Protein backbone atom coordinates (compact mmCIF):
# COMPACT_ATOMS: atom_id res chain seq x y z
CA UNK A 1 -19.72 -22.91 4.52
CA UNK A 2 -18.17 -20.25 2.92
CA UNK A 3 -14.81 -21.23 0.73
CA UNK A 4 -12.04 -18.83 -0.23
CA UNK A 5 -10.12 -19.21 -3.21
CA UNK A 6 -6.90 -17.22 -4.22
CA UNK A 7 -5.03 -16.90 -7.90
CA UNK A 8 -2.13 -14.88 -8.48
CA UNK A 9 0.65 -15.34 -6.95
CA UNK A 10 3.65 -16.76 -8.89
CA UNK A 11 7.53 -15.68 -9.32
CA UNK A 12 8.13 -11.56 -10.21
CA UNK A 13 11.57 -9.90 -10.61
CA UNK A 14 12.11 -7.27 -7.94
CA UNK A 15 10.22 -4.21 -8.93
CA UNK A 16 7.53 -5.75 -10.78
CA UNK A 17 4.00 -6.55 -9.75
CA UNK A 18 1.28 -9.44 -9.49
CA UNK A 19 -2.35 -8.93 -8.68
CA UNK A 20 -3.91 -11.77 -6.00
CA UNK A 21 -7.65 -12.35 -6.33
CA UNK A 22 -9.69 -13.58 -3.97
CA UNK A 23 -13.43 -15.14 -4.41
CA UNK A 24 -15.84 -15.81 -1.89
CA UNK A 25 -18.64 -18.65 -2.06
CA UNK A 26 -21.17 -20.39 -0.14
CA UNK A 27 -23.69 -19.47 2.51
CA UNK A 28 -22.76 -16.04 2.54
CA UNK A 29 -25.32 -13.67 3.73
CA UNK A 30 -22.79 -10.00 4.24
CA UNK A 31 -19.32 -10.05 4.20
CA UNK A 32 -18.01 -7.37 7.18
CA UNK A 33 -14.23 -7.51 6.37
CA UNK A 34 -11.77 -9.02 3.37
CA UNK A 35 -8.33 -8.75 3.46
CA UNK A 36 -5.04 -10.13 3.11
CA UNK A 37 -2.48 -11.50 5.33
CA UNK A 38 1.15 -12.99 4.66
CA UNK A 39 3.30 -15.25 5.76
CA UNK A 40 6.86 -16.81 6.03
CA UNK A 41 8.44 -19.82 8.01
CA UNK A 42 9.12 -19.22 11.59
CA UNK A 43 7.45 -15.90 12.01
CA UNK A 44 3.72 -15.39 12.62
CA UNK A 45 1.11 -14.40 9.65
CA UNK A 46 0.65 -10.31 9.55
CA UNK A 47 -1.86 -8.49 8.08
CA UNK A 48 -0.79 -6.82 4.87
CA UNK A 49 -4.31 -5.30 4.21
CA UNK A 50 -8.07 -5.05 4.78
CA UNK A 51 -11.09 -3.49 3.30
CA UNK A 52 -14.31 -3.35 5.75
CA UNK A 53 -17.58 -2.50 5.29
CA UNK A 54 -17.57 -0.85 9.20
CA UNK A 55 -15.69 1.81 8.17
CA UNK A 56 -14.68 3.56 4.94
CA UNK A 57 -10.50 3.62 5.14
CA UNK A 58 -8.79 0.13 4.20
CA UNK A 59 -6.31 -0.43 6.40
CA UNK A 60 -2.27 -1.16 4.87
CA UNK A 61 0.50 -2.38 7.17
CA UNK A 62 3.32 0.24 6.62
CA UNK A 63 5.57 -1.85 5.02
CA UNK A 64 2.95 -1.83 1.79
CA UNK A 65 1.89 1.36 2.08
CA UNK A 66 2.21 2.89 -1.52
CA UNK A 67 3.02 0.15 -3.14
CA UNK A 68 -0.34 -2.55 -2.64
CA UNK A 69 -3.59 -1.68 -3.41
CA UNK A 70 -6.83 -3.99 -2.06
CA UNK A 71 -9.96 -3.41 -3.99
CA UNK A 72 -13.61 -5.16 -4.58
CA UNK A 73 -13.36 -7.04 -8.00
CA UNK A 74 -16.25 -7.08 -10.30
CA UNK A 75 -17.54 -10.37 -8.57
CA UNK A 76 -19.63 -9.06 -5.10
CA UNK A 77 -17.74 -11.16 -3.08
CA UNK A 78 -14.19 -10.60 -4.83
CA UNK A 79 -11.01 -9.16 -3.11
CA UNK A 80 -7.50 -7.88 -5.33
CA UNK A 81 -5.06 -7.05 -4.01
CA UNK A 82 -2.54 -4.99 -6.23
CA UNK A 83 1.09 -5.58 -5.44
CA UNK A 84 3.61 -2.83 -6.91
CA UNK A 85 6.93 -2.48 -6.79
CA UNK A 86 7.66 -5.60 -5.29
CA UNK A 87 10.69 -6.29 -2.94
CA UNK A 88 12.88 -9.40 -2.15
CA UNK A 89 11.43 -8.96 1.84
CA UNK A 90 7.72 -9.38 0.19
CA UNK A 91 8.24 -13.01 -0.20
CA UNK A 92 5.63 -15.31 1.81
CA UNK A 93 2.54 -16.67 1.64
CA UNK A 94 -0.63 -14.33 1.19
CA UNK A 95 -3.60 -15.65 2.50
CA UNK A 96 -6.78 -13.97 1.75
CA UNK A 97 -9.71 -13.54 4.80
CA UNK A 98 -13.00 -12.85 5.06
CA UNK A 99 -15.35 -12.30 8.19
CA UNK A 100 -18.49 -13.81 6.92
CA UNK A 101 -21.87 -13.11 8.82
CA UNK A 102 -24.17 -16.73 7.24
CA UNK A 103 -27.43 -15.72 8.08
CA UNK A 104 -29.38 -13.01 9.42
CA UNK A 105 -28.77 -13.71 12.55
CA UNK A 106 -26.01 -14.81 14.90
CA UNK A 107 -22.60 -13.56 14.87
CA UNK A 108 -20.01 -13.81 11.72
CA UNK A 109 -17.31 -16.42 11.31
CA UNK A 110 -13.36 -16.04 10.22
CA UNK A 111 -12.70 -17.64 7.10
CA UNK A 112 -9.73 -18.69 5.02
CA UNK A 113 -8.02 -19.34 1.86
CA UNK A 114 -5.46 -21.79 1.01
CA UNK A 115 -2.96 -19.48 0.04
CA UNK A 116 -0.84 -18.24 -2.49
CA UNK A 117 2.76 -18.39 -2.91
CA UNK A 118 4.50 -15.11 -3.88
CA UNK A 119 8.57 -14.86 -4.58
CA UNK A 120 10.03 -11.68 -5.53
CA UNK A 121 13.24 -12.44 -6.70
CA UNK A 122 15.64 -12.56 -9.14
C-alpha cells in the first residue's frame, strides 16, 4: 500500500503565501506523476498542478499560472506546492495525488492524500 501525507494548509490573507507538502511512503517502486487537486463544496475536484516523470514540463491550471509552483522536495517521494499571491478564490481543500507503480511489473495505481484546507480571507 501507499500513503500520501499532506501538510502546510491554513488561513492566509489575500496576497499571502503558503507552501503545501506531500510525502509518499509505502510500497513504492516508481512514481510517474505527483500533483495537487483542489475541491470546493458543490464542485468537481480540479487539477491545479502536476509534475510527471513522463514529460519534462509541469502542468498548471490557467487560474494559478504564475502564482503556484510545483517541485520535488528534499525527500525522494515528496512534492511541494508553493502558492504565492493567494486569492479568495483559491480557498479549497487541496489533495495530493500520485500515480504509483508498486512493483517491477503490473500497472500503476492512483493514490490520494487526506486533504488539507486552504482558506484565503481577510
